[in-house]
Amino acid sequence: EKRVKIAVQPEASEIFWNFPSYSEIVREGDELVGYILVGSLRALGRHVARYGGMVRVLEPAEAKEAVRQFANAALLRSAGDED
């Protein structure tokens, strides 16, 4: 399992319930920040995308990259559907 730090809008706080928590969840400004344990970084993108921009992956870099790749692939699939 990988430890991933995320920041979420309060409306998306349920993401913390979808994964084992690794730390206390703290409020930082308008967001809730904490660590979750993720079994597969490839699957993380699907979970993050589900919240439509209300979840940000802060670290590690490979988790951020996995989410970015998922988003790019989803955009390419979406653009292909319009043809």
Protein backbone atom coordinates (compact mmCIF):
# COMPACT_ATOMS: atom_id res chain seq x y z
CA GLU A 1 0.00 0.00 0.00
CA LYS A 2 1.04 3.57 -0.75
CA ARG A 3 0.55 6.49 1.59
CA VAL A 4 -1.04 9.41 -0.31
CA LYS A 5 -1.63 12.92 1.00
CA ILE A 6 -4.83 14.53 -0.26
CA ALA A 7 -6.62 17.83 0.24
CA VAL A 8 -10.38 17.84 -0.23
CA GLN A 9 -13.27 20.26 -0.16
CA PRO A 10 -15.63 19.44 2.73
CA GLU A 11 -18.27 18.24 0.24
CA ALA A 12 -15.88 15.47 -0.85
CA SER A 13 -14.78 14.38 2.63
CA GLU A 14 -16.34 10.95 2.12
CA ILE A 15 -13.24 9.99 0.13
CA PHE A 16 -11.51 9.58 3.50
CA TRP A 17 -14.05 6.85 4.32
CA ASN A 18 -13.33 4.99 1.06
CA PHE A 19 -9.72 4.29 2.02
CA PRO A 20 -7.97 3.34 5.25
CA SER A 21 -6.83 6.57 6.92
CA TYR A 22 -3.20 6.91 7.76
CA SER A 23 -3.41 10.13 9.76
CA GLU A 24 -5.68 12.59 11.45
CA ILE A 25 -7.66 14.71 9.04
CA VAL A 26 -6.97 18.39 9.65
CA ARG A 27 -8.56 21.55 8.33
CA GLU A 28 -6.21 23.77 6.36
CA GLY A 29 -8.07 26.85 5.17
CA ASP A 30 -11.13 25.70 3.24
CA GLU A 31 -9.85 22.13 2.78
CA LEU A 32 -9.48 18.95 4.80
CA VAL A 33 -6.02 17.40 4.53
CA GLY A 34 -4.88 13.93 5.47
CA TYR A 35 -3.18 10.75 4.35
CA ILE A 36 -4.93 7.69 2.96
CA LEU A 37 -3.56 4.25 2.17
CA VAL A 38 -4.03 3.24 -1.46
CA GLY A 39 -3.56 -0.29 -2.77
CA SER A 40 -3.23 0.75 -6.41
CA LEU A 41 -2.18 4.15 -7.70
CA ARG A 42 -3.75 3.26 -11.06
CA ALA A 43 -7.16 3.06 -9.39
CA LEU A 44 -6.66 6.32 -7.48
CA GLY A 45 -7.42 8.45 -10.55
CA ARG A 46 -10.90 6.99 -10.85
CA HIS A 47 -11.66 7.81 -7.23
CA VAL A 48 -10.29 11.35 -7.44
CA ALA A 49 -12.05 12.13 -10.73
CA ARG A 50 -15.36 11.09 -9.22
CA TYR A 51 -15.31 14.27 -7.10
CA GLY A 52 -14.99 16.67 -10.02
CA GLY A 53 -12.08 18.80 -8.87
CA MET A 54 -12.90 18.75 -5.15
CA VAL A 55 -9.97 16.41 -4.35
CA ARG A 56 -6.30 17.24 -4.90
CA VAL A 57 -3.43 14.77 -4.56
CA LEU A 58 -0.54 16.51 -2.83
CA GLU A 59 2.03 13.73 -2.56
CA PRO A 60 3.81 11.54 -3.47
CA ALA A 61 4.74 12.62 -6.97
CA GLU A 62 3.92 9.18 -8.45
CA ALA A 63 0.35 9.44 -7.09
CA LYS A 64 -0.07 12.88 -8.64
CA GLU A 65 1.25 11.50 -11.94
CA ALA A 66 -1.12 8.51 -11.83
CA VAL A 67 -4.11 10.82 -11.37
CA ARG A 68 -2.89 13.12 -14.15
CA GLN A 69 -2.52 10.15 -16.52
CA PHE A 70 -6.02 8.93 -15.67
CA ALA A 71 -7.48 12.39 -16.33
CA ASN A 72 -5.63 12.74 -19.64
CA ALA A 73 -6.79 9.30 -20.80
CA ALA A 74 -10.38 10.11 -19.81
CA LEU A 75 -10.25 13.38 -21.76
CA LEU A 76 -8.89 11.59 -24.82
CA ARG A 77 -11.64 8.95 -24.59
CA SER A 78 -14.23 11.70 -24.21
CA ALA A 79 -12.91 13.60 -27.22
CA GLY A 80 -13.00 10.38 -29.27
CA ASP A 81 -16.68 9.87 -28.45
CA GLU A 82 -17.60 13.11 -30.21
CA ASP A 83 -16.21 12.04 -33.60
